[in-house]
Protein backbone atom coordinates (compact mmCIF):
# COMPACT_ATOMS: atom_id res chain seq x y z
CA MET A 1 58.66 124.96 231.76
CA ILE A 2 62.24 124.42 232.80
CA THR A 3 61.38 125.49 236.34
CA GLY A 4 58.62 122.89 236.48
CA ASP A 5 60.99 120.19 235.19
CA VAL A 6 63.61 121.16 237.76
CA ASP A 7 61.03 121.15 240.54
CA ASP A 8 59.71 117.79 239.37
CA PHE A 9 63.25 116.39 239.22
CA GLY A 10 63.96 117.71 242.72
CA THR A 11 60.78 116.15 244.06
CA ARG A 12 61.59 112.79 242.48
CA LEU A 13 65.14 112.98 243.79
CA ASP A 14 63.86 113.76 247.31
CA ARG A 15 61.51 110.77 247.13
CA ARG A 16 64.33 108.48 246.00
CA PHE A 17 66.58 109.71 248.80
CA ASP A 18 63.78 109.24 251.32
CA ALA A 19 63.13 105.71 250.04
CA SER A 20 66.84 104.88 250.14
CA GLU A 21 67.15 106.29 253.64
CA ALA A 22 64.17 104.24 254.78
CA ARG A 23 65.67 101.04 253.32
CA ILE A 24 69.05 101.75 254.94
CA LEU A 25 67.44 102.46 258.32
CA SER A 26 65.30 99.33 258.07
CA ARG A 27 68.35 97.19 257.26
CA PHE A 28 70.34 98.82 260.05
CA GLU A 29 67.55 98.14 262.56
CA SER A 30 67.43 94.52 261.39
CA LEU A 31 71.20 94.17 261.83
CA ILE A 32 71.00 95.64 265.35
CA ARG A 33 68.20 93.21 266.30
CA ASP A 34 70.22 90.27 264.95
CA PHE A 35 73.30 91.45 266.86
CA GLU A 36 71.30 91.82 270.07
CA ALA A 37 69.91 88.32 269.63
CA HIS A 38 73.40 86.87 269.18
CA VAL A 39 74.76 88.74 272.20
CA LEU A 40 71.85 87.61 274.39
CA GLU A 41 72.21 84.03 273.21
CA ALA A 42 75.93 84.07 274.02
CA PHE A 43 75.21 85.58 277.42
CA TYR A 44 72.62 82.91 278.22
CA VAL A 45 75.08 80.15 277.27
CA TYR A 46 77.70 81.77 279.51
CA ALA A 47 75.21 82.15 282.37
CA GLU A 48 74.10 78.51 282.12
CA THR A 49 77.71 77.30 282.07
CA SER A 50 78.56 79.48 285.05
CA GLN A 51 75.54 78.18 286.94
CA ARG A 52 76.58 74.57 286.32
CA ARG A 53 80.11 75.32 287.53
CA LEU A 54 78.78 77.10 290.61
CA THR A 55 76.55 74.13 291.41
CA ILE A 56 79.54 71.78 291.20
CA VAL A 57 81.63 74.03 293.44
CA GLU A 58 78.81 74.30 295.99
CA ARG A 59 78.50 70.49 296.08
CA GLU A 60 82.25 70.14 296.60
CA ILE A 61 82.21 72.72 299.39
CA SER A 62 79.32 70.88 301.04
CA ALA A 63 81.24 67.59 300.83
CA LEU A 64 84.32 69.26 302.33
CA LYS A 65 82.25 70.69 305.19
CA ASP A 66 80.79 67.24 305.88
CA GLY A 67 84.30 65.79 305.92
CA VAL A 68 85.58 68.46 308.29
CA ALA A 69 82.59 67.91 310.58
CA SER A 70 83.30 64.18 310.62
CA VAL A 71 86.97 64.77 311.48
CA GLU A 72 85.98 67.22 314.24
CA SER A 73 83.55 64.69 315.70
CA ARG A 74 86.15 61.94 315.69
CA LEU A 75 88.73 64.28 317.25
CA THR A 76 86.27 65.16 320.00
CA GLU A 77 85.77 61.45 320.71
CA VAL A 78 89.56 60.94 320.93
CA GLU A 79 89.90 63.93 323.26
CA LYS A 80 87.16 62.51 325.51
CA ARG A 81 88.98 59.17 325.77
CA LEU A 82 92.27 60.84 326.56
CA ASN A 83 90.74 62.93 329.36
CA MET A 84 88.85 60.04 331.01
CA PRO A 85 90.53 58.32 333.95
CA PRO A 86 91.38 54.69 333.37
CA ALA A 87 88.90 52.10 334.58
CA ALA A 88 89.95 50.37 337.79
């Protein structure tokens, strides 16, 4: 009789531990998913901000290149005038 009660108690205790372990694991998995979602969201915000900055920098570089090309063209025109003999 005592052996049966001890076995029954052990079985119930095992079930309770198993149930507690399952709840803890479920909660832990939920926390990990939430953490992953927050990390991904932060990364996407960072990526979007970086993309906007990169676009601005690329526009500014393009404008600088256009300006340099304009200066080079004007300089070439000045050089041509300086190398031409005067009109008679």
